[in-house]
Amino acid sequence: MRQRFEVPGKLPSLNDYVSACRANPYKGAKAKKDAQEAVAWAIRAARLKPMRPPVTVSFTWVEPDMRRDKDNISSAKKYVLDALVECGVIPDDNWKCIAGNLPDQYKVNKANPRVIVELEEVDEE
């Protein structure tokens, strides 16, 4: 089974999260919670069904410009994977449930920044 969803806008980068944590631990926790909640809304809107692990997860990060470093952008995988577990799409985000690496693509679209997440069940034989 293949599934796909999109999170509109940008998710916080690692730099955003670290800055929030340094300002106040509660602010850092709220930043993570808010980002994870935004992803969960997108998952619910796409009506994703539970998947049988292992699952491959790939990301396309569509940014409004090239200001943020790719490694800071992709740190938002944490919010996405945690939301997938929270919404019951995957049972866990451990090594047994997530297959292979987590490939990234990066694009620029000033008018429509977003995160595109694609999931696919891996046939183990």
PDB file of N, CA and C in Angstrom:
ATOM      1  N   MET A   1       0.837  -1.171   0.000  1.00  0.00           N
ATOM      2  CA  MET A   1       0.000   0.000   0.000  1.00  0.00           C
ATOM      3  C   MET A   1       0.890   1.246   0.000  1.00  0.00           C
ATOM      4  N   ARG A   2       0.478   2.229  -0.790  1.00  0.00           N
ATOM      5  CA  ARG A   2       1.143   3.538  -0.849  1.00  0.00           C
ATOM      6  C   ARG A   2       0.186   4.605  -0.349  1.00  0.00           C
ATOM      7  N   GLN A   3       0.739   5.556   0.383  1.00  0.00           N
ATOM      8  CA  GLN A   3      -0.057   6.688   0.832  1.00  0.00           C
ATOM      9  C   GLN A   3       0.803   7.944   0.775  1.00  0.00           C
ATOM     10  N   ARG A   4       0.117   9.082   0.722  1.00  0.00           N
ATOM     11  CA  ARG A   4       0.830  10.356   0.573  1.00  0.00           C
ATOM     12  C   ARG A   4       0.015  11.445   1.259  1.00  0.00           C
ATOM     13  N   PHE A   5       0.719  12.403   1.837  1.00  0.00           N
ATOM     14  CA  PHE A   5       0.037  13.576   2.373  1.00  0.00           C
ATOM     15  C   PHE A   5       0.965  14.773   2.299  1.00  0.00           C
ATOM     16  N   GLU A   6       0.371  15.954   2.433  1.00  0.00           N
ATOM     17  CA  GLU A   6       1.134  17.202   2.373  1.00  0.00           C
ATOM     18  C   GLU A   6       0.832  18.052   3.598  1.00  0.00           C
ATOM     19  N   VAL A   7       1.896  18.627   4.139  1.00  0.00           N
ATOM     20  CA  VAL A   7       1.765  19.569   5.249  1.00  0.00           C
ATOM     21  C   VAL A   7       1.992  20.959   4.664  1.00  0.00           C
ATOM     22  N   PRO A   8       0.992  21.838   4.718  1.00  0.00           N
ATOM     23  CA  PRO A   8       1.180  23.172   4.137  1.00  0.00           C
ATOM     24  C   PRO A   8       2.164  24.017   4.945  1.00  0.00           C
ATOM     25  N   GLY A   9       2.890  24.878   4.243  1.00  0.00           N
ATOM     26  CA  GLY A   9       3.826  25.785   4.902  1.00  0.00           C
ATOM     27  C   GLY A   9       5.132  25.101   5.277  1.00  0.00           C
ATOM     28  N   LYS A  10       5.891  25.774   6.139  1.00  0.00           N
ATOM     29  CA  LYS A  10       7.181  25.255   6.602  1.00  0.00           C
ATOM     30  C   LYS A  10       7.047  24.725   8.016  1.00  0.00           C
ATOM     31  N   LEU A  11       7.766  23.648   8.301  1.00  0.00           N
ATOM     32  CA  LEU A  11       7.877  23.174   9.672  1.00  0.00           C
ATOM     33  C   LEU A  11       9.111  23.822  10.304  1.00  0.00           C
ATOM     34  N   PRO A  12       9.146  23.925  11.636  1.00  0.00           N
ATOM     35  CA  PRO A  12      10.314  24.535  12.275  1.00  0.00           C
ATOM     36  C   PRO A  12      11.592  23.751  11.971  1.00  0.00           C
ATOM     37  N   SER A  13      12.670  24.484  11.745  1.00  0.00           N
ATOM     38  CA  SER A  13      13.965  23.859  11.504  1.00  0.00           C
ATOM     39  C   SER A  13      14.628  23.528  12.842  1.00  0.00           C
ATOM     40  N   LEU A  14      15.752  22.848  12.789  1.00  0.00           N
ATOM     41  CA  LEU A  14      16.497  22.547  14.004  1.00  0.00           C
ATOM     42  C   LEU A  14      16.910  23.840  14.702  1.00  0.00           C
ATOM     43  N   ASN A  15      17.334  24.835  13.943  1.00  0.00           N
ATOM     44  CA  ASN A  15      17.714  26.120  14.533  1.00  0.00           C
ATOM     45  C   ASN A  15      16.540  26.771  15.251  1.00  0.00           C
ATOM     46  N   ASP A  16      15.348  26.700  14.661  1.00  0.00           N
ATOM     47  CA  ASP A  16      14.150  27.256  15.300  1.00  0.00           C
ATOM     48  C   ASP A  16      13.881  26.555  16.630  1.00  0.00           C
ATOM     49  N   TYR A  17      13.988  25.234  16.624  1.00  0.00           N
ATOM     50  CA  TYR A  17      13.709  24.452  17.821  1.00  0.00           C
ATOM     51  C   TYR A  17      14.740  24.733  18.912  1.00  0.00           C
ATOM     52  N   VAL A  18      16.014  24.765  18.550  1.00  0.00           N
ATOM     53  CA  VAL A  18      17.073  25.034  19.525  1.00  0.00           C
ATOM     54  C   VAL A  18      16.906  26.428  20.129  1.00  0.00           C
ATOM     55  N   SER A  19      16.585  27.400  19.310  1.00  0.00           N
ATOM     56  CA  SER A  19      16.356  28.766  19.816  1.00  0.00           C
ATOM     57  C   SER A  19      15.202  28.799  20.810  1.00  0.00           C
ATOM     58  N   ALA A  20      14.134  28.085  20.496  1.00  0.00           N
ATOM     59  CA  ALA A  20      12.984  28.041  21.403  1.00  0.00           C
ATOM     60  C   ALA A  20      13.368  27.375  22.723  1.00  0.00           C
ATOM     61  N   CYS A  21      14.136  26.295  22.669  1.00  0.00           N
ATOM     62  CA  CYS A  21      14.567  25.596  23.882  1.00  0.00           C
ATOM     63  C   CYS A  21      15.474  26.469  24.735  1.00  0.00           C
ATOM     64  N   ARG A  22      16.340  27.216  24.085  1.00  0.00           N
ATOM     65  CA  ARG A  22      17.242  28.097  24.828  1.00  0.00           C
ATOM     66  C   ARG A  22      16.488  29.245  25.481  1.00  0.00           C
ATOM     67  N   ALA A  23      15.438  29.708  24.849  1.00  0.00           N
ATOM     68  CA  ALA A  23      14.648  30.803  25.409  1.00  0.00           C
ATOM     69  C   ALA A  23      13.918  30.331  26.664  1.00  0.00           C
ATOM     70  N   ASN A  24      13.346  29.113  26.584  1.00  0.00           N
ATOM     71  CA  ASN A  24      12.569  28.588  27.695  1.00  0.00           C
ATOM     72  C   ASN A  24      12.229  27.135  27.366  1.00  0.00           C
ATOM     73  N   PRO A  25      12.490  26.203  28.279  1.00  0.00           N
ATOM     74  CA  PRO A  25      12.181  24.790  27.984  1.00  0.00           C
ATOM     75  C   PRO A  25      10.722  24.559  27.584  1.00  0.00           C
ATOM     76  N   TYR A  26       9.802  25.321  28.189  1.00  0.00           N
ATOM     77  CA  TYR A  26       8.393  25.167  27.850  1.00  0.00           C
ATOM     78  C   TYR A  26       8.110  25.655  26.428  1.00  0.00           C
ATOM     79  N   LYS A  27       8.841  26.676  26.023  1.00  0.00           N
ATOM     80  CA  LYS A  27       8.675  27.194  24.658  1.00  0.00           C
ATOM     81  C   LYS A  27       9.144  26.156  23.635  1.00  0.00           C
ATOM     82  N   GLY A  28      10.234  25.451  23.943  1.00  0.00           N
ATOM     83  CA  GLY A  28      10.723  24.382  23.065  1.00  0.00           C
ATOM     84  C   GLY A  28       9.733  23.242  22.954  1.00  0.00           C
ATOM     85  N   ALA A  29       9.161  22.853  24.087  1.00  0.00           N
ATOM     86  CA  ALA A  29       8.167  21.773  24.093  1.00  0.00           C
ATOM     87  C   ALA A  29       6.930  22.181  23.301  1.00  0.00           C
ATOM     88  N   LYS A  30       6.521  23.435  23.445  1.00  0.00           N
ATOM     89  CA  LYS A  30       5.353  23.928  22.713  1.00  0.00           C
ATOM     90  C   LYS A  30       5.631  23.973  21.211  1.00  0.00           C
ATOM     91  N   ALA A  31       6.847  24.348  20.821  1.00  0.00           N
ATOM     92  CA  ALA A  31       7.198  24.396  19.397  1.00  0.00           C
ATOM     93  C   ALA A  31       7.084  23.003  18.782  1.00  0.00           C
ATOM     94  N   LYS A  32       7.591  21.983  19.496  1.00  0.00           N
ATOM     95  CA  LYS A  32       7.498  20.611  18.990  1.00  0.00           C
ATOM     96  C   LYS A  32       6.037  20.158  18.928  1.00  0.00           C
ATOM     97  N   LYS A  33       5.294  20.450  19.980  1.00  0.00           N
ATOM     98  CA  LYS A  33       3.883  20.058  20.024  1.00  0.00           C
ATOM     99  C   LYS A  33       3.097  20.714  18.894  1.00  0.00           C
ATOM    100  N   ASP A  34       3.316  22.004  18.664  1.00  0.00           N
ATOM    101  CA  ASP A  34       2.598  22.715  17.605  1.00  0.00           C
ATOM    102  C   ASP A  34       2.936  22.164  16.223  1.00  0.00           C
ATOM    103  N   ALA A  35       4.229  21.870  15.994  1.00  0.00           N
ATOM    104  CA  ALA A  35       4.635  21.318  14.697  1.00  0.00           C
ATOM    105  C   ALA A  35       4.033  19.934  14.487  1.00  0.00           C
ATOM    106  N   GLN A  36       4.086  19.113  15.522  1.00  0.00           N
ATOM    107  CA  GLN A  36       3.534  17.759  15.428  1.00  0.00           C
ATOM    108  C   GLN A  36       2.020  17.812  15.216  1.00  0.00           C
ATOM    109  N   GLU A  37       1.354  18.766  15.840  1.00  0.00           N
ATOM    110  CA  GLU A  37      -0.085  18.922  15.669  1.00  0.00           C
ATOM    111  C   GLU A  37      -0.439  19.344  14.237  1.00  0.00           C
ATOM    112  N   ALA A  38       0.372  20.210  13.642  1.00  0.00           N
ATOM    113  CA  ALA A  38       0.149  20.628  12.251  1.00  0.00           C
ATOM    114  C   ALA A  38       0.260  19.428  11.315  1.00  0.00           C
ATOM    115  N   VAL A  39       1.248  18.571  11.575  1.00  0.00           N
ATOM    116  CA  VAL A  39       1.417  17.365  10.761  1.00  0.00           C
ATOM    117  C   VAL A  39       0.232  16.417  10.968  1.00  0.00           C
ATOM    118  N   ALA A  40      -0.198  16.267  12.208  1.00  0.00           N
ATOM    119  CA  ALA A  40      -1.320  15.374  12.510  1.00  0.00           C
ATOM    120  C   ALA A  40      -2.592  15.833  11.791  1.00  0.00           C
ATOM    121  N   TRP A  41      -2.817  17.139  11.721  1.00  0.00           N
ATOM    122  CA  TRP A  41      -3.979  17.651  10.987  1.00  0.00           C
ATOM    123  C   TRP A  41      -3.910  17.258   9.514  1.00  0.00           C
ATOM    124  N   ALA A  42      -2.712  17.366   8.942  1.00  0.00           N
ATOM    125  CA  ALA A  42      -2.540  17.003   7.530  1.00  0.00           C
ATOM    126  C   ALA A  42      -2.768  15.511   7.315  1.00  0.00           C
ATOM    127  N   ILE A  43      -2.319  14.691   8.264  1.00  0.00           N
ATOM    128  CA  ILE A  43      -2.528  13.241   8.176  1.00  0.00           C
ATOM    129  C   ILE A  43      -4.021  12.923   8.235  1.00  0.00           C
ATOM    130  N   ARG A  44      -4.716  13.551   9.174  1.00  0.00           N
ATOM    131  CA  ARG A  44      -6.160  13.310   9.302  1.00  0.00           C
ATOM    132  C   ARG A  44      -6.914  13.784   8.061  1.00  0.00           C
ATOM    133  N   ALA A  45      -6.516  14.928   7.524  1.00  0.00           N
ATOM    134  CA  ALA A  45      -7.178  15.463   6.327  1.00  0.00           C
ATOM    135  C   ALA A  45      -6.998  14.529   5.134  1.00  0.00           C
ATOM    136  N   ALA A  46      -5.841  13.866   5.070  1.00  0.00           N
ATOM    137  CA  ALA A  46      -5.573  12.928   3.969  1.00  0.00           C
ATOM    138  C   ALA A  46      -6.221  11.564   4.202  1.00  0.00           C
ATOM    139  N   ARG A  47      -6.773  11.367   5.385  1.00  0.00           N
ATOM    140  CA  ARG A  47      -7.439  10.111   5.753  1.00  0.00           C
ATOM    141  C   ARG A  47      -6.543   8.892   5.536  1.00  0.00           C
ATOM    142  N   LEU A  48      -5.323   8.975   6.061  1.00  0.00           N
ATOM    143  CA  LEU A  48      -4.402   7.852   5.930  1.00  0.00           C
ATOM    144  C   LEU A  48      -4.898   6.661   6.743  1.00  0.00           C
ATOM    145  N   LYS A  49      -4.656   5.488   6.191  1.00  0.00           N
ATOM    146  CA  LYS A  49      -5.039   4.244   6.847  1.00  0.00           C
ATOM    147  C   LYS A  49      -3.808   3.648   7.548  1.00  0.00           C
ATOM    148  N   PRO A  50      -4.015   2.853   8.589  1.00  0.00           N
ATOM    149  CA  PRO A  50      -2.888   2.190   9.245  1.00  0.00           C
ATOM    150  C   PRO A  50      -2.117   1.325   8.256  1.00  0.00           C
ATOM    151  N   MET A  51      -0.799   1.311   8.423  1.00  0.00           N
ATOM    152  CA  MET A  51       0.062   0.564   7.509  1.00  0.00           C
ATOM    153  C   MET A  51       0.781  -0.553   8.255  1.00  0.00           C
ATOM    154  N   ARG A  52       1.077  -1.617   7.507  1.00  0.00           N
ATOM    155  CA  ARG A  52       1.790  -2.759   8.053  1.00  0.00           C
ATOM    156  C   ARG A  52       3.291  -2.527   7.901  1.00  0.00           C
ATOM    157  N   PRO A  53       4.037  -2.537   9.002  1.00  0.00           N
ATOM    158  CA  PRO A  53       5.483  -2.317   8.898  1.00  0.00           C
ATOM    159  C   PRO A  53       6.196  -3.531   8.314  1.00  0.00           C
ATOM    160  N   PRO A  54       7.378  -3.310   7.763  1.00  0.00           N
ATOM    161  CA  PRO A  54       8.112  -2.046   7.688  1.00  0.00           C
ATOM    162  C   PRO A  54       7.583  -1.152   6.563  1.00  0.00           C
ATOM    163  N   VAL A  55       7.808   0.137   6.747  1.00  0.00           N
ATOM    164  CA  VAL A  55       7.323   1.151   5.823  1.00  0.00           C
ATOM    165  C   VAL A  55       8.489   2.044   5.405  1.00  0.00           C
ATOM    166  N   THR A  56       8.552   2.383   4.124  1.00  0.00           N
ATOM    167  CA  THR A  56       9.524   3.396   3.689  1.00  0.00           C
ATOM    168  C   THR A  56       8.830   4.756   3.769  1.00  0.00           C
ATOM    169  N   VAL A  57       9.593   5.759   4.165  1.00  0.00           N
ATOM    170  CA  VAL A  57       9.066   7.118   4.280  1.00  0.00           C
ATOM    171  C   VAL A  57      10.027   8.039   3.538  1.00  0.00           C
ATOM    172  N   SER A  58       9.507   8.782   2.565  1.00  0.00           N
ATOM    173  CA  SER A  58      10.348   9.737   1.834  1.00  0.00           C
ATOM    174  C   SER A  58       9.733  11.126   1.940  1.00  0.00           C
ATOM    175  N   PHE A  59      10.593  12.118   1.874  1.00  0.00           N
ATOM    176  CA  PHE A  59      10.206  13.506   2.114  1.00  0.00           C
ATOM    177  C   PHE A  59      10.591  14.396   0.946  1.00  0.00           C
ATOM    178  N   THR A  60       9.712  15.284   0.570  1.00  0.00           N
ATOM    179  CA  THR A  60      10.031  16.363  -0.362  1.00  0.00           C
ATOM    180  C   THR A  60       9.754  17.658   0.377  1.00  0.00           C
ATOM    181  N   TRP A  61      10.811  18.419   0.591  1.00  0.00           N
ATOM    182  CA  TRP A  61      10.731  19.686   1.318  1.00  0.00           C
ATOM    183  C   TRP A  61      10.643  20.803   0.291  1.00  0.00           C
ATOM    184  N   VAL A  62       9.512  21.453   0.212  1.00  0.00           N
ATOM    185  CA  VAL A  62       9.310  22.545  -0.741  1.00  0.00           C
ATOM    186  C   VAL A  62       9.378  23.850   0.059  1.00  0.00           C
ATOM    187  N   GLU A  63      10.460  24.575  -0.123  1.00  0.00           N
ATOM    188  CA  GLU A  63      10.725  25.798   0.630  1.00  0.00           C
ATOM    189  C   GLU A  63      10.391  27.029  -0.208  1.00  0.00           C
ATOM    190  N   PRO A  64      10.089  28.157   0.428  1.00  0.00           N
ATOM    191  CA  PRO A  64       9.799  29.377  -0.334  1.00  0.00           C
ATOM    192  C   PRO A  64      11.048  30.005  -0.951  1.00  0.00           C
ATOM    193  N   ASP A  65      12.218  29.644  -0.410  1.00  0.00           N
ATOM    194  CA  ASP A  65      13.495  30.170  -0.919  1.00  0.00           C
ATOM    195  C   ASP A  65      14.613  29.237  -0.438  1.00  0.00           C
ATOM    196  N   MET A  66      15.847  29.602  -0.695  1.00  0.00           N
ATOM    197  CA  MET A  66      16.973  28.738  -0.322  1.00  0.00           C
ATOM    198  C   MET A  66      17.730  29.276   0.894  1.00  0.00           C
ATOM    199  N   ARG A  67      17.054  29.938   1.797  1.00  0.00           N
ATOM    200  CA  ARG A  67      17.706  30.532   2.959  1.00  0.00           C
ATOM    201  C   ARG A  67      18.079  29.509   4.027  1.00  0.00           C
ATOM    202  N   ARG A  68      17.248  28.505   4.229  1.00  0.00           N
ATOM    203  CA  ARG A  68      17.513  27.537   5.298  1.00  0.00           C
ATOM    204  C   ARG A  68      18.382  26.399   4.778  1.00  0.00           C
ATOM    205  N   ASP A  69      19.308  25.939   5.625  1.00  0.00           N
ATOM    206  CA  ASP A  69      20.171  24.812   5.266  1.00  0.00           C
ATOM    207  C   ASP A  69      19.352  23.523   5.218  1.00  0.00           C
ATOM    208  N   LYS A  70      19.719  22.660   4.290  1.00  0.00           N
ATOM    209  CA  LYS A  70      18.975  21.415   4.103  1.00  0.00           C
ATOM    210  C   LYS A  70      18.959  20.546   5.364  1.00  0.00           C
ATOM    211  N   ASP A  71      20.090  20.495   6.079  1.00  0.00           N
ATOM    212  CA  ASP A  71      20.114  19.662   7.281  1.00  0.00           C
ATOM    213  C   ASP A  71      19.202  20.212   8.376  1.00  0.00           C
ATOM    214  N   ASN A  72      19.038  21.514   8.437  1.00  0.00           N
ATOM    215  CA  ASN A  72      18.111  22.108   9.406  1.00  0.00           C
ATOM    216  C   ASN A  72      16.662  21.853   9.014  1.00  0.00           C
ATOM    217  N   ILE A  73      16.385  21.901   7.739  1.00  0.00           N
ATOM    218  CA  ILE A  73      15.024  21.654   7.243  1.00  0.00           C
ATOM    219  C   ILE A  73      14.608  20.219   7.561  1.00  0.00           C
ATOM    220  N   SER A  74      15.472  19.270   7.222  1.00  0.00           N
ATOM    221  CA  SER A  74      15.108  17.855   7.342  1.00  0.00           C
ATOM    222  C   SER A  74      15.036  17.361   8.782  1.00  0.00           C
ATOM    223  N   SER A  75      15.480  18.166   9.737  1.00  0.00           N
ATOM    224  CA  SER A  75      15.332  17.761  11.142  1.00  0.00           C
ATOM    225  C   SER A  75      13.855  17.648  11.523  1.00  0.00           C
ATOM    226  N   ALA A  76      12.982  18.241  10.735  1.00  0.00           N
ATOM    227  CA  ALA A  76      11.538  18.188  10.991  1.00  0.00           C
ATOM    228  C   ALA A  76      10.964  16.779  10.769  1.00  0.00           C
ATOM    229  N   LYS A  77      11.774  15.848  10.306  1.00  0.00           N
ATOM    230  CA  LYS A  77      11.318  14.459  10.181  1.00  0.00           C
ATOM    231  C   LYS A  77      10.792  13.951  11.520  1.00  0.00           C
ATOM    232  N   LYS A  78      11.395  14.419  12.602  1.00  0.00           N
ATOM    233  CA  LYS A  78      10.974  14.022  13.942  1.00  0.00           C
ATOM    234  C   LYS A  78       9.489  14.308  14.156  1.00  0.00           C
ATOM    235  N   TYR A  79       9.041  15.499  13.785  1.00  0.00           N
ATOM    236  CA  TYR A  79       7.630  15.866  13.961  1.00  0.00           C
ATOM    237  C   TYR A  79       6.732  14.975  13.111  1.00  0.00           C
ATOM    238  N   VAL A  80       7.176  14.693  11.895  1.00  0.00           N
ATOM    239  CA  VAL A  80       6.371  13.899  10.965  1.00  0.00           C
ATOM    240  C   VAL A  80       6.231  12.461  11.467  1.00  0.00           C
ATOM    241  N   LEU A  81       7.347  11.840  11.829  1.00  0.00           N
ATOM    242  CA  LEU A  81       7.302  10.448  12.279  1.00  0.00           C
ATOM    243  C   LEU A  81       6.513  10.316  13.579  1.00  0.00           C
ATOM    244  N   ASP A  82       6.704  11.240  14.505  1.00  0.00           N
ATOM    245  CA  ASP A  82       5.948  11.186  15.754  1.00  0.00           C
ATOM    246  C   ASP A  82       4.449  11.352  15.505  1.00  0.00           C
ATOM    247  N   ALA A  83       4.071  12.209  14.569  1.00  0.00           N
ATOM    248  CA  ALA A  83       2.657  12.394  14.240  1.00  0.00           C
ATOM    249  C   ALA A  83       2.079  11.147  13.567  1.00  0.00           C
ATOM    250  N   LEU A  84       2.863  10.479  12.728  1.00  0.00           N
ATOM    251  CA  LEU A  84       2.404   9.240  12.095  1.00  0.00           C
ATOM    252  C   LEU A  84       2.088   8.182  13.155  1.00  0.00           C
ATOM    253  N   VAL A  85       2.913   8.115  14.191  1.00  0.00           N
ATOM    254  CA  VAL A  85       2.656   7.174  15.296  1.00  0.00           C
ATOM    255  C   VAL A  85       1.432   7.623  16.085  1.00  0.00           C
ATOM    256  N   GLU A  86       1.381   8.906  16.428  1.00  0.00           N
ATOM    257  CA  GLU A  86       0.259   9.459  17.197  1.00  0.00           C
ATOM    258  C   GLU A  86      -1.078   9.211  16.512  1.00  0.00           C
ATOM    259  N   CYS A  87      -1.108   9.298  15.175  1.00  0.00           N
ATOM    260  CA  CYS A  87      -2.345   9.124  14.411  1.00  0.00           C
ATOM    261  C   CYS A  87      -2.639   7.665  14.078  1.00  0.00           C
ATOM    262  N   GLY A  88      -1.752   6.748  14.482  1.00  0.00           N
ATOM    263  CA  GLY A  88      -1.995   5.325  14.275  1.00  0.00           C
ATOM    264  C   GLY A  88      -1.711   4.820  12.875  1.00  0.00           C
ATOM    265  N   VAL A  89      -0.977   5.602  12.078  1.00  0.00           N
ATOM    266  CA  VAL A  89      -0.644   5.153  10.724  1.00  0.00           C
ATOM    267  C   VAL A  89       0.448   4.084  10.787  1.00  0.00           C
ATOM    268  N   ILE A  90       1.425   4.281  11.668  1.00  0.00           N
ATOM    269  CA  ILE A  90       2.467   3.272  11.916  1.00  0.00           C
ATOM    270  C   ILE A  90       2.498   3.025  13.430  1.00  0.00           C
ATOM    271  N   PRO A  91       2.846   1.790  13.847  1.00  0.00           N
ATOM    272  CA  PRO A  91       2.825   1.489  15.275  1.00  0.00           C
ATOM    273  C   PRO A  91       3.955   2.161  16.065  1.00  0.00           C
ATOM    274  N   ASP A  92       5.093   2.395  15.406  1.00  0.00           N
ATOM    275  CA  ASP A  92       6.248   2.996  16.068  1.00  0.00           C
ATOM    276  C   ASP A  92       7.148   3.562  14.982  1.00  0.00           C
ATOM    277  N   ASP A  93       8.126   4.381  15.376  1.00  0.00           N
ATOM    278  CA  ASP A  93       9.072   4.887  14.385  1.00  0.00           C
ATOM    279  C   ASP A  93      10.467   4.318  14.635  1.00  0.00           C
ATOM    280  N   ASN A  94      10.506   3.074  15.132  1.00  0.00           N
ATOM    281  CA  ASN A  94      11.789   2.415  15.399  1.00  0.00           C
ATOM    282  C   ASN A  94      12.315   1.710  14.141  1.00  0.00           C
ATOM    283  N   TRP A  95      13.426   1.038  14.287  1.00  0.00           N
ATOM    284  CA  TRP A  95      14.098   0.394  13.153  1.00  0.00           C
ATOM    285  C   TRP A  95      13.257  -0.711  12.523  1.00  0.00           C
ATOM    286  N   LYS A  96      12.424  -1.365  13.322  1.00  0.00           N
ATOM    287  CA  LYS A  96      11.603  -2.451  12.790  1.00  0.00           C
ATOM    288  C   LYS A  96      10.451  -1.917  11.936  1.00  0.00           C
ATOM    289  N   CYS A  97       9.990  -0.732  12.242  1.00  0.00           N
ATOM    290  CA  CYS A  97       8.820  -0.176  11.543  1.00  0.00           C
ATOM    291  C   CYS A  97       9.182   0.725  10.364  1.00  0.00           C
ATOM    292  N   ILE A  98      10.356   1.337  10.401  1.00  0.00           N
ATOM    293  CA  ILE A  98      10.802   2.223   9.321  1.00  0.00           C
ATOM    294  C   ILE A  98      11.915   1.519   8.550  1.00  0.00           C
ATOM    295  N   ALA A  99      11.683   1.254   7.280  1.00  0.00           N
ATOM    296  CA  ALA A  99      12.648   0.519   6.448  1.00  0.00           C
ATOM    297  C   ALA A  99      13.660   1.473   5.817  1.00  0.00           C
ATOM    298  N   GLY A 100      14.880   1.000   5.694  1.00  0.00           N
ATOM    299  CA  GLY A 100      15.914   1.736   4.958  1.00  0.00           C
ATOM    300  C   GLY A 100      16.190   3.118   5.513  1.00  0.00           C
ATOM    301  N   ASN A 101      16.666   3.974   4.623  1.00  0.00           N
ATOM    302  CA  ASN A 101      16.934   5.353   5.033  1.00  0.00           C
ATOM    303  C   ASN A 101      15.692   6.204   4.797  1.00  0.00           C
ATOM    304  N   LEU A 102      15.775   7.447   5.117  1.00  0.00           N
ATOM    305  CA  LEU A 102      14.649   8.371   4.964  1.00  0.00           C
ATOM    306  C   LEU A 102      15.047   9.414   3.921  1.00  0.00           C
ATOM    307  N   PRO A 103      14.861   9.097   2.622  1.00  0.00           N
ATOM    308  CA  PRO A 103      15.366   9.988   1.568  1.00  0.00           C
ATOM    309  C   PRO A 103      14.655  11.342   1.519  1.00  0.00           C
ATOM    310  N   ASP A 104      15.442  12.345   1.128  1.00  0.00           N
ATOM    311  CA  ASP A 104      14.950  13.715   1.029  1.00  0.00           C
ATOM    312  C   ASP A 104      15.133  14.259  -0.375  1.00  0.00           C
ATOM    313  N   GLN A 105      14.180  15.091  -0.783  1.00  0.00           N
ATOM    314  CA  GLN A 105      14.314  15.926  -1.979  1.00  0.00           C
ATOM    315  C   GLN A 105      14.020  17.345  -1.531  1.00  0.00           C
ATOM    316  N   TYR A 106      14.642  18.296  -2.202  1.00  0.00           N
ATOM    317  CA  TYR A 106      14.438  19.701  -1.844  1.00  0.00           C
ATOM    318  C   TYR A 106      14.058  20.477  -3.094  1.00  0.00           C
ATOM    319  N   LYS A 107      13.009  21.294  -2.961  1.00  0.00           N
ATOM    320  CA  LYS A 107      12.543  22.120  -4.068  1.00  0.00           C
ATOM    321  C   LYS A 107      12.219  23.508  -3.543  1.00  0.00           C
ATOM    322  N   VAL A 108      12.067  24.460  -4.461  1.00  0.00           N
ATOM    323  CA  VAL A 108      11.694  25.821  -4.091  1.00  0.00           C
ATOM    324  C   VAL A 108      10.424  26.200  -4.828  1.00  0.00           C
ATOM    325  N   ASN A 109       9.453  26.727  -4.065  1.00  0.00           N
ATOM    326  CA  ASN A 109       8.213  27.240  -4.638  1.00  0.00           C
ATOM    327  C   ASN A 109       7.711  28.329  -3.687  1.00  0.00           C
ATOM    328  N   LYS A 110       7.988  29.558  -4.035  1.00  0.00           N
ATOM    329  CA  LYS A 110       7.649  30.681  -3.164  1.00  0.00           C
ATOM    330  C   LYS A 110       6.152  30.748  -2.869  1.00  0.00           C
ATOM    331  N   ALA A 111       5.331  30.412  -3.837  1.00  0.00           N
ATOM    332  CA  ALA A 111       3.878  30.522  -3.690  1.00  0.00           C
ATOM    333  C   ALA A 111       3.260  29.379  -2.879  1.00  0.00           C
ATOM    334  N   ASN A 112       3.939  28.223  -2.801  1.00  0.00           N
ATOM    335  CA  ASN A 112       3.323  27.059  -2.151  1.00  0.00           C
ATOM    336  C   ASN A 112       4.351  26.212  -1.391  1.00  0.00           C
ATOM    337  N   PRO A 113       4.938  26.754  -0.317  1.00  0.00           N
ATOM    338  CA  PRO A 113       5.857  25.924   0.481  1.00  0.00           C
ATOM    339  C   PRO A 113       5.061  24.839   1.199  1.00  0.00           C
ATOM    340  N   ARG A 114       5.667  23.651   1.326  1.00  0.00           N
ATOM    341  CA  ARG A 114       4.972  22.539   1.951  1.00  0.00           C
ATOM    342  C   ARG A 114       5.952  21.385   2.149  1.00  0.00           C
ATOM    343  N   VAL A 115       5.482  20.370   2.826  1.00  0.00           N
ATOM    344  CA  VAL A 115       6.239  19.127   2.996  1.00  0.00           C
ATOM    345  C   VAL A 115       5.374  18.015   2.428  1.00  0.00           C
ATOM    346  N   ILE A 116       5.936  17.257   1.494  1.00  0.00           N
ATOM    347  CA  ILE A 116       5.234  16.133   0.896  1.00  0.00           C
ATOM    348  C   ILE A 116       5.841  14.856   1.472  1.00  0.00           C
ATOM    349  N   VAL A 117       4.996  14.020   2.055  1.00  0.00           N
ATOM    350  CA  VAL A 117       5.459  12.783   2.684  1.00  0.00           C
ATOM    351  C   VAL A 117       4.811  11.613   1.966  1.00  0.00           C
ATOM    352  N   GLU A 118       5.653  10.663   1.539  1.00  0.00           N
ATOM    353  CA  GLU A 118       5.164   9.472   0.853  1.00  0.00           C
ATOM    354  C   GLU A 118       5.564   8.240   1.657  1.00  0.00           C
ATOM    355  N   LEU A 119       4.604   7.346   1.849  1.00  0.00           N
ATOM    356  CA  LEU A 119       4.823   6.125   2.607  1.00  0.00           C
ATOM    357  C   LEU A 119       4.491   4.925   1.742  1.00  0.00           C
ATOM    358  N   GLU A 120       5.242   3.863   1.935  1.00  0.00           N
ATOM    359  CA  GLU A 120       4.956   2.633   1.194  1.00  0.00           C
ATOM    360  C   GLU A 120       5.325   1.430   2.054  1.00  0.00           C
ATOM    361  N   GLU A 121       4.415   0.465   2.083  1.00  0.00           N
ATOM    362  CA  GLU A 121       4.689  -0.784   2.786  1.00  0.00           C
ATOM    363  C   GLU A 121       5.741  -1.575   2.009  1.00  0.00           C
ATOM    364  N   VAL A 122       6.655  -2.184   2.732  1.00  0.00           N
ATOM    365  CA  VAL A 122       7.710  -2.985   2.111  1.00  0.00           C
ATOM    366  C   VAL A 122       7.312  -4.451   2.199  1.00  0.00           C
ATOM    367  N   ASP A 123       7.323  -5.114   1.041  1.00  0.00           N
ATOM    368  CA  ASP A 123       7.034  -6.543   1.028  1.00  0.00           C
ATOM    369  C   ASP A 123       8.285  -7.303   1.443  1.00  0.00           C
ATOM    370  N   GLU A 124       8.205  -7.996   2.567  1.00  0.00           N
ATOM    371  CA  GLU A 124       9.350  -8.795   3.028  1.00  0.00           C
ATOM    372  C   GLU A 124       9.164 -10.240   2.599  1.00  0.00           C
ATOM    373  N   GLU A 125      10.059 -10.665   1.728  1.00  0.00           N
ATOM    374  CA  GLU A 125      10.004 -12.063   1.284  1.00  0.00           C
ATOM    375  C   GLU A 125      11.371 -12.597   1.104  1.00  0.00           C
TER     376      GLU A 125
END
